[in-house]
Amino acid sequence: MKENVNENAKARLKTSDLVMIALFAAIVAVFSQIAIPMPTQVSVTLQTFAVALCGYSLGAKKGTAAILVYILLGAIGIPVFTGFKGGIACIASFTGGFIYGFLPFVFLCGVSIKSKPLRIVLGFFGLLVCHLLGTLHYSLLTSNGFIASFLLVSAPYLIKDFISVTLAFFASIAITKATGRLTASR
């Protein structure tokens, strides 16, 4: 009898994990559509906020799973990327490095550390890795040098993105408290 209770609890946990992963993949897809197009073809979006929120709220493993779901949905053609675009061509386009750069970004946001300032710093580091991958990808596709590409597609976005990571961290605290209260009330 006790084994059945444990198995049911694990099954519910797995189902709730899947629901949260799907929910956050959808949140990233929605926030990807809130965009201001730029001449460099790298839009100003709220993706950074959504990806960081995903990592801070779900943790490294589940957050990374949610972003992987988002990327795979886009890769198979579902229009989840900015501008309601989808397909593998989007990942091969100018913004592709940022898209696959979301994976280390979300992972580092989700690393479980008790120190709040250190968690934000890890999120910033993840953001920088994402920007590095995005800049390198853009540089390779355009034959621009790394510095020229950085000045076009990374530097103008960094302040907004650092603010997004910070806001996502504090929003995740509220989300975690709310979902903890919901779980405790069952």
N, C-alpha and C. Protein backbone atom coordinates (compact mmCIF):
# COMPACT_ATOMS: atom_id res chain seq x y z
N MET A 1 0.82 -1.20 0.00
CA MET A 1 0.00 0.00 0.00
C MET A 1 0.86 1.26 0.00
N LYS A 2 1.90 1.23 0.84
CA LYS A 2 2.79 2.38 0.95
C LYS A 2 3.52 2.63 -0.37
N GLU A 3 3.90 1.58 -1.09
CA GLU A 3 4.57 1.72 -2.38
C GLU A 3 3.67 2.39 -3.39
N ASN A 4 2.37 2.04 -3.41
CA ASN A 4 1.42 2.66 -4.34
C ASN A 4 1.28 4.15 -4.08
N VAL A 5 1.27 4.56 -2.81
CA VAL A 5 1.17 5.97 -2.47
C VAL A 5 2.40 6.71 -2.99
N ASN A 6 3.59 6.14 -2.79
CA ASN A 6 4.83 6.76 -3.26
C ASN A 6 4.85 6.86 -4.79
N GLU A 7 4.40 5.81 -5.47
CA GLU A 7 4.36 5.83 -6.92
C GLU A 7 3.38 6.87 -7.43
N ASN A 8 2.22 7.00 -6.78
CA ASN A 8 1.25 8.03 -7.17
C ASN A 8 1.80 9.43 -6.95
N ALA A 9 2.50 9.63 -5.85
CA ALA A 9 3.10 10.95 -5.58
C ALA A 9 4.15 11.28 -6.64
N LYS A 10 4.95 10.29 -7.02
CA LYS A 10 5.96 10.52 -8.06
C LYS A 10 5.28 10.82 -9.39
N ALA A 11 4.23 10.11 -9.72
CA ALA A 11 3.51 10.33 -10.98
C ALA A 11 2.94 11.74 -11.02
N ARG A 12 2.35 12.20 -9.91
CA ARG A 12 1.81 13.57 -9.86
C ARG A 12 2.92 14.59 -10.02
N LEU A 13 4.05 14.34 -9.40
CA LEU A 13 5.17 15.25 -9.51
C LEU A 13 5.65 15.31 -10.95
N LYS A 14 5.74 14.18 -11.60
CA LYS A 14 6.16 14.17 -12.99
C LYS A 14 5.17 14.89 -13.88
N THR A 15 3.89 14.70 -13.64
CA THR A 15 2.87 15.39 -14.42
C THR A 15 2.95 16.89 -14.19
N SER A 16 3.12 17.31 -12.95
CA SER A 16 3.21 18.75 -12.68
C SER A 16 4.48 19.33 -13.28
N ASP A 17 5.57 18.56 -13.29
CA ASP A 17 6.79 19.03 -13.93
C ASP A 17 6.57 19.23 -15.43
N LEU A 18 5.91 18.28 -16.06
CA LEU A 18 5.63 18.39 -17.49
C LEU A 18 4.75 19.60 -17.79
N VAL A 19 3.78 19.83 -16.94
CA VAL A 19 2.89 20.97 -17.12
C VAL A 19 3.68 22.28 -16.99
N MET A 20 4.57 22.37 -15.99
CA MET A 20 5.36 23.59 -15.81
C MET A 20 6.34 23.79 -16.96
N ILE A 21 6.93 22.72 -17.44
CA ILE A 21 7.84 22.82 -18.59
C ILE A 21 7.09 23.33 -19.82
N ALA A 22 5.92 22.76 -20.08
CA ALA A 22 5.11 23.20 -21.22
C ALA A 22 4.65 24.64 -21.03
N LEU A 23 4.23 24.98 -19.82
CA LEU A 23 3.77 26.34 -19.55
C LEU A 23 4.88 27.36 -19.80
N PHE A 24 6.08 27.08 -19.32
CA PHE A 24 7.17 28.03 -19.51
C PHE A 24 7.65 28.07 -20.96
N ALA A 25 7.58 26.96 -21.68
CA ALA A 25 7.90 26.99 -23.11
C ALA A 25 6.91 27.92 -23.82
N ALA A 26 5.64 27.84 -23.42
CA ALA A 26 4.61 28.72 -24.00
C ALA A 26 4.84 30.18 -23.62
N ILE A 27 5.24 30.42 -22.38
CA ILE A 27 5.53 31.79 -21.94
C ILE A 27 6.66 32.39 -22.77
N VAL A 28 7.71 31.62 -23.01
CA VAL A 28 8.82 32.11 -23.83
C VAL A 28 8.33 32.40 -25.25
N ALA A 29 7.48 31.54 -25.79
CA ALA A 29 6.94 31.75 -27.14
C ALA A 29 6.13 33.04 -27.20
N VAL A 30 5.32 33.29 -26.20
CA VAL A 30 4.50 34.52 -26.18
C VAL A 30 5.39 35.75 -26.04
N PHE A 31 6.34 35.71 -25.11
CA PHE A 31 7.22 36.86 -24.90
C PHE A 31 8.13 37.11 -26.11
N SER A 32 8.35 36.09 -26.92
CA SER A 32 9.14 36.25 -28.14
C SER A 32 8.43 37.12 -29.17
N GLN A 33 7.11 37.18 -29.07
CA GLN A 33 6.34 37.95 -30.04
C GLN A 33 6.26 39.44 -29.68
N ILE A 34 6.62 39.77 -28.47
CA ILE A 34 6.65 41.18 -28.05
C ILE A 34 8.01 41.71 -28.51
N ALA A 35 8.03 42.31 -29.71
CA ALA A 35 9.30 42.63 -30.35
C ALA A 35 9.26 43.97 -31.07
N ILE A 36 10.42 44.60 -31.10
CA ILE A 36 10.63 45.80 -31.90
C ILE A 36 11.69 45.44 -32.94
N PRO A 37 11.31 45.39 -34.21
CA PRO A 37 12.28 45.03 -35.25
C PRO A 37 13.42 46.07 -35.34
N MET A 38 14.61 45.58 -35.64
CA MET A 38 15.79 46.44 -35.79
C MET A 38 16.42 46.19 -37.16
N PRO A 39 17.18 47.15 -37.67
CA PRO A 39 17.81 46.98 -38.99
C PRO A 39 18.79 45.80 -39.06
N THR A 40 19.34 45.38 -37.94
CA THR A 40 20.30 44.28 -37.93
C THR A 40 19.62 42.92 -38.02
N GLN A 41 18.31 42.88 -38.03
CA GLN A 41 17.48 41.68 -38.03
C GLN A 41 17.50 40.96 -36.69
N VAL A 42 18.06 41.58 -35.66
CA VAL A 42 18.01 41.07 -34.29
C VAL A 42 17.09 42.03 -33.54
N SER A 43 15.85 41.59 -33.30
CA SER A 43 14.83 42.45 -32.69
C SER A 43 15.06 42.63 -31.20
N VAL A 44 14.52 43.71 -30.67
CA VAL A 44 14.46 43.91 -29.22
C VAL A 44 13.21 43.15 -28.77
N THR A 45 13.40 42.17 -27.88
CA THR A 45 12.28 41.35 -27.43
C THR A 45 12.29 41.22 -25.92
N LEU A 46 11.28 40.54 -25.41
CA LEU A 46 11.23 40.19 -23.99
C LEU A 46 11.65 38.73 -23.75
N GLN A 47 12.28 38.14 -24.75
CA GLN A 47 12.74 36.75 -24.61
C GLN A 47 13.72 36.60 -23.45
N THR A 48 14.62 37.56 -23.32
CA THR A 48 15.63 37.46 -22.26
C THR A 48 14.95 37.35 -20.90
N PHE A 49 13.95 38.19 -20.68
CA PHE A 49 13.20 38.14 -19.43
C PHE A 49 12.56 36.77 -19.25
N ALA A 50 11.90 36.28 -20.30
CA ALA A 50 11.18 35.01 -20.22
C ALA A 50 12.12 33.83 -19.99
N VAL A 51 13.26 33.83 -20.66
CA VAL A 51 14.21 32.72 -20.50
C VAL A 51 14.78 32.73 -19.09
N ALA A 52 15.17 33.91 -18.60
CA ALA A 52 15.70 34.01 -17.24
C ALA A 52 14.63 33.61 -16.22
N LEU A 53 13.40 34.05 -16.42
CA LEU A 53 12.30 33.69 -15.52
C LEU A 53 12.11 32.18 -15.49
N CYS A 54 12.22 31.57 -16.64
CA CYS A 54 12.11 30.11 -16.76
C CYS A 54 13.18 29.42 -15.92
N GLY A 55 14.40 29.84 -16.05
CA GLY A 55 15.49 29.23 -15.29
C GLY A 55 15.37 29.46 -13.80
N TYR A 56 15.11 30.70 -13.41
CA TYR A 56 15.00 31.02 -12.00
C TYR A 56 13.80 30.33 -11.35
N SER A 57 12.71 30.16 -12.10
CA SER A 57 11.50 29.57 -11.53
C SER A 57 11.53 28.04 -11.51
N LEU A 58 12.07 27.44 -12.57
CA LEU A 58 12.02 25.98 -12.69
C LEU A 58 13.30 25.27 -12.26
N GLY A 59 14.39 25.99 -12.20
CA GLY A 59 15.67 25.35 -11.91
C GLY A 59 16.38 24.96 -13.18
N ALA A 60 17.61 24.49 -13.03
CA ALA A 60 18.47 24.23 -14.19
C ALA A 60 17.92 23.13 -15.11
N LYS A 61 17.52 22.00 -14.55
CA LYS A 61 17.09 20.88 -15.40
C LYS A 61 15.75 21.14 -16.08
N LYS A 62 14.74 21.50 -15.29
CA LYS A 62 13.41 21.72 -15.88
C LYS A 62 13.39 22.98 -16.75
N GLY A 63 14.14 24.00 -16.34
CA GLY A 63 14.23 25.22 -17.15
C GLY A 63 14.86 24.93 -18.50
N THR A 64 15.95 24.17 -18.49
CA THR A 64 16.60 23.80 -19.74
C THR A 64 15.68 22.95 -20.60
N ALA A 65 14.92 22.06 -19.96
CA ALA A 65 13.95 21.24 -20.71
C ALA A 65 12.90 22.13 -21.38
N ALA A 66 12.42 23.14 -20.67
CA ALA A 66 11.41 24.05 -21.24
C ALA A 66 11.96 24.80 -22.45
N ILE A 67 13.20 25.27 -22.36
CA ILE A 67 13.80 26.00 -23.48
C ILE A 67 14.09 25.04 -24.64
N LEU A 68 14.48 23.83 -24.32
CA LEU A 68 14.69 22.84 -25.38
C LEU A 68 13.38 22.55 -26.11
N VAL A 69 12.28 22.44 -25.36
CA VAL A 69 10.96 22.25 -25.99
C VAL A 69 10.65 23.43 -26.90
N TYR A 70 10.88 24.64 -26.41
CA TYR A 70 10.63 25.86 -27.20
C TYR A 70 11.45 25.82 -28.51
N ILE A 71 12.73 25.50 -28.40
CA ILE A 71 13.60 25.47 -29.59
C ILE A 71 13.17 24.37 -30.55
N LEU A 72 12.86 23.19 -30.03
CA LEU A 72 12.44 22.09 -30.90
C LEU A 72 11.11 22.40 -31.60
N LEU A 73 10.19 23.01 -30.87
CA LEU A 73 8.91 23.40 -31.51
C LEU A 73 9.17 24.37 -32.66
N GLY A 74 10.04 25.34 -32.41
CA GLY A 74 10.38 26.28 -33.47
C GLY A 74 11.10 25.61 -34.62
N ALA A 75 12.01 24.71 -34.31
CA ALA A 75 12.80 24.04 -35.35
C ALA A 75 11.94 23.20 -36.29
N ILE A 76 10.86 22.61 -35.76
CA ILE A 76 10.00 21.79 -36.63
C ILE A 76 8.96 22.63 -37.38
N GLY A 77 9.00 23.94 -37.17
CA GLY A 77 8.16 24.81 -37.98
C GLY A 77 7.02 25.50 -37.26
N ILE A 78 6.82 25.20 -36.00
CA ILE A 78 5.76 25.90 -35.26
C ILE A 78 6.23 27.34 -35.03
N PRO A 79 5.42 28.32 -35.34
CA PRO A 79 5.87 29.73 -35.32
C PRO A 79 5.99 30.32 -33.92
N VAL A 80 6.99 29.86 -33.17
CA VAL A 80 7.19 30.34 -31.80
C VAL A 80 8.30 31.38 -31.71
N PHE A 81 9.13 31.48 -32.75
CA PHE A 81 10.22 32.44 -32.71
C PHE A 81 9.70 33.84 -33.02
N THR A 82 10.50 34.83 -32.74
CA THR A 82 10.11 36.23 -32.94
C THR A 82 9.53 36.45 -34.33
N GLY A 83 8.45 37.23 -34.38
CA GLY A 83 7.79 37.51 -35.65
C GLY A 83 6.95 36.36 -36.14
N PHE A 84 6.54 35.48 -35.23
CA PHE A 84 5.75 34.30 -35.58
C PHE A 84 6.43 33.48 -36.67
N LYS A 85 7.73 33.26 -36.49
CA LYS A 85 8.50 32.46 -37.44
C LYS A 85 8.82 31.11 -36.82
N GLY A 86 9.05 30.15 -37.67
CA GLY A 86 9.45 28.82 -37.24
C GLY A 86 10.24 28.15 -38.33
N GLY A 87 10.86 27.05 -37.99
CA GLY A 87 11.64 26.28 -38.96
C GLY A 87 13.12 26.34 -38.64
N ILE A 88 13.81 25.35 -39.12
CA ILE A 88 15.25 25.25 -38.87
C ILE A 88 15.99 26.44 -39.48
N ALA A 89 15.43 27.06 -40.51
CA ALA A 89 16.07 28.22 -41.13
C ALA A 89 16.21 29.37 -40.13
N CYS A 90 15.31 29.45 -39.17
CA CYS A 90 15.42 30.51 -38.15
C CYS A 90 16.65 30.30 -37.28
N ILE A 91 16.95 29.05 -36.99
CA ILE A 91 18.12 28.75 -36.17
C ILE A 91 19.40 28.97 -36.98
N ALA A 92 19.30 28.82 -38.29
CA ALA A 92 20.45 29.07 -39.16
C ALA A 92 20.56 30.55 -39.55
N SER A 93 19.58 31.37 -39.16
CA SER A 93 19.58 32.78 -39.54
C SER A 93 20.43 33.61 -38.58
N PHE A 94 20.37 34.92 -38.75
CA PHE A 94 21.17 35.85 -37.96
C PHE A 94 20.95 35.71 -36.45
N THR A 95 19.76 35.33 -36.03
CA THR A 95 19.46 35.24 -34.60
C THR A 95 19.68 33.85 -34.02
N GLY A 96 20.10 32.92 -34.83
CA GLY A 96 20.23 31.53 -34.39
C GLY A 96 21.13 31.33 -33.19
N GLY A 97 22.23 32.04 -33.13
CA GLY A 97 23.15 31.90 -32.00
C GLY A 97 22.52 32.29 -30.69
N PHE A 98 21.65 33.29 -30.74
CA PHE A 98 20.94 33.68 -29.53
C PHE A 98 19.95 32.60 -29.13
N ILE A 99 19.30 32.00 -30.13
CA ILE A 99 18.31 30.96 -29.85
C ILE A 99 18.96 29.77 -29.15
N TYR A 100 20.03 29.22 -29.71
CA TYR A 100 20.66 28.09 -29.02
C TYR A 100 21.47 28.55 -27.82
N GLY A 101 21.80 29.84 -27.76
CA GLY A 101 22.45 30.40 -26.58
C GLY A 101 21.54 30.47 -25.37
N PHE A 102 20.22 30.34 -25.61
CA PHE A 102 19.28 30.30 -24.48
C PHE A 102 19.52 29.09 -23.59
N LEU A 103 20.07 28.02 -24.13
CA LEU A 103 20.27 26.80 -23.34
C LEU A 103 21.28 26.99 -22.20
N PRO A 104 22.49 27.47 -22.45
CA PRO A 104 23.38 27.72 -21.30
C PRO A 104 22.87 28.86 -20.42
N PHE A 105 22.18 29.82 -21.03
CA PHE A 105 21.63 30.95 -20.28
C PHE A 105 20.61 30.46 -19.24
N VAL A 106 19.63 29.67 -19.68
CA VAL A 106 18.60 29.19 -18.76
C VAL A 106 19.19 28.26 -17.72
N PHE A 107 20.16 27.44 -18.13
CA PHE A 107 20.79 26.52 -17.19
C PHE A 107 21.47 27.29 -16.06
N LEU A 108 22.25 28.32 -16.42
CA LEU A 108 22.97 29.08 -15.39
C LEU A 108 22.01 29.89 -14.51
N CYS A 109 20.91 30.36 -15.07
CA CYS A 109 19.90 31.04 -14.24
C CYS A 109 19.29 30.06 -13.24
N GLY A 110 19.20 28.81 -13.62
CA GLY A 110 18.53 27.82 -12.79
C GLY A 110 19.39 27.11 -11.77
N VAL A 111 20.70 27.35 -11.81
CA VAL A 111 21.58 26.68 -10.85
C VAL A 111 21.15 27.05 -9.43
N SER A 112 20.99 26.05 -8.61
CA SER A 112 20.47 26.25 -7.25
C SER A 112 21.59 26.65 -6.29
N ILE A 113 21.58 27.91 -5.92
CA ILE A 113 22.54 28.46 -4.96
C ILE A 113 21.73 29.32 -3.99
N LYS A 114 22.04 29.24 -2.72
CA LYS A 114 21.26 29.97 -1.73
C LYS A 114 21.50 31.48 -1.78
N SER A 115 22.68 31.90 -2.17
CA SER A 115 23.02 33.32 -2.21
C SER A 115 22.30 34.00 -3.37
N LYS A 116 21.38 34.93 -3.05
CA LYS A 116 20.63 35.64 -4.09
C LYS A 116 21.54 36.44 -5.01
N PRO A 117 22.50 37.20 -4.47
CA PRO A 117 23.38 37.95 -5.38
C PRO A 117 24.17 37.04 -6.32
N LEU A 118 24.60 35.89 -5.82
CA LEU A 118 25.36 34.96 -6.67
C LEU A 118 24.47 34.35 -7.74
N ARG A 119 23.20 34.10 -7.43
CA ARG A 119 22.27 33.58 -8.44
C ARG A 119 22.08 34.59 -9.57
N ILE A 120 21.98 35.88 -9.20
CA ILE A 120 21.85 36.92 -10.23
C ILE A 120 23.12 36.99 -11.06
N VAL A 121 24.28 36.90 -10.41
CA VAL A 121 25.56 36.93 -11.13
C VAL A 121 25.65 35.75 -12.11
N LEU A 122 25.22 34.57 -11.69
CA LEU A 122 25.21 33.42 -12.60
C LEU A 122 24.28 33.67 -13.79
N GLY A 123 23.15 34.32 -13.53
CA GLY A 123 22.25 34.69 -14.62
C GLY A 123 22.91 35.65 -15.58
N PHE A 124 23.66 36.62 -15.03
CA PHE A 124 24.39 37.56 -15.89
C PHE A 124 25.44 36.82 -16.72
N PHE A 125 26.12 35.88 -16.10
CA PHE A 125 27.13 35.10 -16.82
C PHE A 125 26.46 34.31 -17.95
N GLY A 126 25.31 33.69 -17.66
CA GLY A 126 24.57 32.97 -18.69
C GLY A 126 24.16 33.88 -19.83
N LEU A 127 23.74 35.09 -19.48
CA LEU A 127 23.37 36.08 -20.49
C LEU A 127 24.58 36.40 -21.38
N LEU A 128 25.74 36.56 -20.77
CA LEU A 128 26.95 36.87 -21.54
C LEU A 128 27.33 35.71 -22.47
N VAL A 129 27.14 34.47 -22.00
CA VAL A 129 27.39 33.31 -22.86
C VAL A 129 26.43 33.34 -24.04
N CYS A 130 25.17 33.64 -23.79
CA CYS A 130 24.16 33.73 -24.85
C CYS A 130 24.56 34.81 -25.86
N HIS A 131 24.96 35.96 -25.37
CA HIS A 131 25.38 37.04 -26.26
C HIS A 131 26.64 36.65 -27.04
N LEU A 132 27.56 35.95 -26.42
CA LEU A 132 28.77 35.50 -27.11
C LEU A 132 28.40 34.59 -28.27
N LEU A 133 27.54 33.61 -28.01
CA LEU A 133 27.11 32.68 -29.06
C LEU A 133 26.35 33.42 -30.16
N GLY A 134 25.48 34.33 -29.77
CA GLY A 134 24.73 35.11 -30.76
C GLY A 134 25.63 35.98 -31.62
N THR A 135 26.62 36.60 -30.99
CA THR A 135 27.56 37.45 -31.73
C THR A 135 28.43 36.63 -32.67
N LEU A 136 28.94 35.50 -32.17
CA LEU A 136 29.76 34.63 -33.03
C LEU A 136 28.97 34.14 -34.24
N HIS A 137 27.75 33.70 -34.00
CA HIS A 137 26.89 33.19 -35.07
C HIS A 137 26.64 34.29 -36.11
N TYR A 138 26.28 35.47 -35.64
CA TYR A 138 26.02 36.60 -36.53
C TYR A 138 27.28 36.95 -37.31
N SER A 139 28.42 36.96 -36.64
CA SER A 139 29.69 37.29 -37.27
C SER A 139 30.02 36.31 -38.39
N LEU A 140 29.80 35.03 -38.15
CA LEU A 140 30.08 34.03 -39.17
C LEU A 140 29.17 34.16 -40.38
N LEU A 141 27.90 34.46 -40.14
CA LEU A 141 26.94 34.57 -41.25
C LEU A 141 27.14 35.83 -42.07
N THR A 142 27.57 36.90 -41.44
CA THR A 142 27.68 38.18 -42.15
C THR A 142 29.10 38.48 -42.61
N SER A 143 30.05 37.68 -42.20
CA SER A 143 31.47 37.93 -42.48
C SER A 143 31.97 39.22 -41.86
N ASN A 144 31.23 39.76 -40.91
CA ASN A 144 31.71 40.89 -40.12
C ASN A 144 32.70 40.36 -39.10
N GLY A 145 33.57 41.19 -38.65
CA GLY A 145 34.44 40.79 -37.57
C GLY A 145 33.65 40.66 -36.28
N PHE A 146 34.27 40.03 -35.29
CA PHE A 146 33.59 39.81 -34.02
C PHE A 146 33.22 41.15 -33.36
N ILE A 147 34.15 42.08 -33.33
CA ILE A 147 33.90 43.38 -32.67
C ILE A 147 32.77 44.12 -33.37
N ALA A 148 32.80 44.16 -34.70
CA ALA A 148 31.73 44.85 -35.45
C ALA A 148 30.38 44.18 -35.17
N SER A 149 30.36 42.86 -35.14
CA SER A 149 29.12 42.15 -34.85
C SER A 149 28.65 42.43 -33.43
N PHE A 150 29.59 42.41 -32.49
CA PHE A 150 29.24 42.71 -31.10
C PHE A 150 28.60 44.09 -30.99
N LEU A 151 29.17 45.07 -31.67
CA LEU A 151 28.64 46.44 -31.61
C LEU A 151 27.26 46.55 -32.25
N LEU A 152 26.97 45.68 -33.21
CA LEU A 152 25.66 45.71 -33.89
C LEU A 152 24.57 44.94 -33.15
N VAL A 153 24.89 43.72 -32.70
CA VAL A 153 23.81 42.84 -32.22
C VAL A 153 23.88 42.47 -30.74
N SER A 154 24.89 42.94 -30.04
CA SER A 154 24.98 42.62 -28.62
C SER A 154 25.02 43.86 -27.75
N ALA A 155 25.98 44.71 -27.98
CA ALA A 155 26.18 45.88 -27.11
C ALA A 155 24.91 46.72 -26.91
N PRO A 156 24.14 47.00 -27.97
CA PRO A 156 22.94 47.83 -27.76
C PRO A 156 21.86 47.19 -26.88
N TYR A 157 21.95 45.89 -26.68
CA TYR A 157 20.91 45.17 -25.95
C TYR A 157 21.32 44.82 -24.51
N LEU A 158 22.57 44.98 -24.19
CA LEU A 158 23.08 44.48 -22.91
C LEU A 158 22.41 45.12 -21.69
N ILE A 159 22.26 46.42 -21.68
CA ILE A 159 21.65 47.06 -20.50
C ILE A 159 20.23 46.56 -20.30
N LYS A 160 19.44 46.52 -21.38
CA LYS A 160 18.07 46.00 -21.29
C LYS A 160 18.08 44.56 -20.80
N ASP A 161 19.02 43.78 -21.29
CA ASP A 161 19.06 42.37 -20.92
C ASP A 161 19.50 42.17 -19.46
N PHE A 162 20.45 42.96 -18.98
CA PHE A 162 20.83 42.87 -17.56
C PHE A 162 19.65 43.24 -16.66
N ILE A 163 18.90 44.26 -17.06
CA ILE A 163 17.71 44.64 -16.29
C ILE A 163 16.67 43.52 -16.35
N SER A 164 16.50 42.91 -17.52
CA SER A 164 15.55 41.80 -17.67
C SER A 164 15.89 40.63 -16.76
N VAL A 165 17.18 40.29 -16.68
CA VAL A 165 17.61 39.18 -15.83
C VAL A 165 17.31 39.50 -14.37
N THR A 166 17.61 40.71 -13.96
CA THR A 166 17.35 41.11 -12.57
C THR A 166 15.87 41.08 -12.25
N LEU A 167 15.04 41.64 -13.13
CA LEU A 167 13.59 41.63 -12.90
C LEU A 167 13.03 40.21 -12.90
N ALA A 168 13.56 39.36 -13.77
CA ALA A 168 13.11 37.96 -13.82
C ALA A 168 13.44 37.25 -12.51
N PHE A 169 14.60 37.55 -11.94
CA PHE A 169 14.97 36.92 -10.68
C PHE A 169 13.95 37.26 -9.59
N PHE A 170 13.62 38.55 -9.47
CA PHE A 170 12.68 38.94 -8.42
C PHE A 170 11.27 38.46 -8.72
N ALA A 171 10.88 38.42 -9.98
CA ALA A 171 9.56 37.87 -10.33
C ALA A 171 9.50 36.38 -10.00
N SER A 172 10.60 35.68 -10.18
CA SER A 172 10.62 34.24 -9.88
C SER A 172 10.43 33.97 -8.39
N ILE A 173 10.90 34.88 -7.56
CA ILE A 173 10.70 34.73 -6.11
C ILE A 173 9.21 34.75 -5.80
N ALA A 174 8.50 35.68 -6.40
CA ALA A 174 7.05 35.77 -6.20
C ALA A 174 6.34 34.53 -6.76
N ILE A 175 6.77 34.07 -7.93
CA ILE A 175 6.16 32.88 -8.53
C ILE A 175 6.40 31.66 -7.66
N THR A 176 7.63 31.52 -7.18
CA THR A 176 7.96 30.37 -6.33
C THR A 176 7.15 30.38 -5.05
N LYS A 177 6.99 31.56 -4.45
CA LYS A 177 6.16 31.65 -3.23
C LYS A 177 4.71 31.29 -3.52
N ALA A 178 4.18 31.80 -4.63
CA ALA A 178 2.78 31.54 -4.98
C ALA A 178 2.56 30.07 -5.29
N THR A 179 3.46 29.46 -6.08
CA THR A 179 3.27 28.05 -6.41
C THR A 179 3.53 27.17 -5.18
N GLY A 180 4.39 27.60 -4.27
CA GLY A 180 4.61 26.87 -3.04
C GLY A 180 3.36 26.88 -2.17
N ARG A 181 2.69 28.03 -2.13
CA ARG A 181 1.44 28.14 -1.35
C ARG A 181 0.37 27.27 -1.99
N LEU A 182 0.31 27.24 -3.32
CA LEU A 182 -0.69 26.41 -3.99
C LEU A 182 -0.44 24.94 -3.71
N THR A 183 0.82 24.52 -3.75
CA THR A 183 1.16 23.13 -3.49
C THR A 183 0.86 22.76 -2.05
N ALA A 184 1.19 23.67 -1.11
CA ALA A 184 0.97 23.39 0.30
C ALA A 184 -0.51 23.31 0.64
N SER A 185 -1.38 24.00 -0.11
CA SER A 185 -2.80 24.01 0.23
C SER A 185 -3.53 22.76 -0.27
N ARG A 186 -2.87 21.90 -1.01
CA ARG A 186 -3.53 20.68 -1.53
C ARG A 186 -3.70 19.64 -0.47
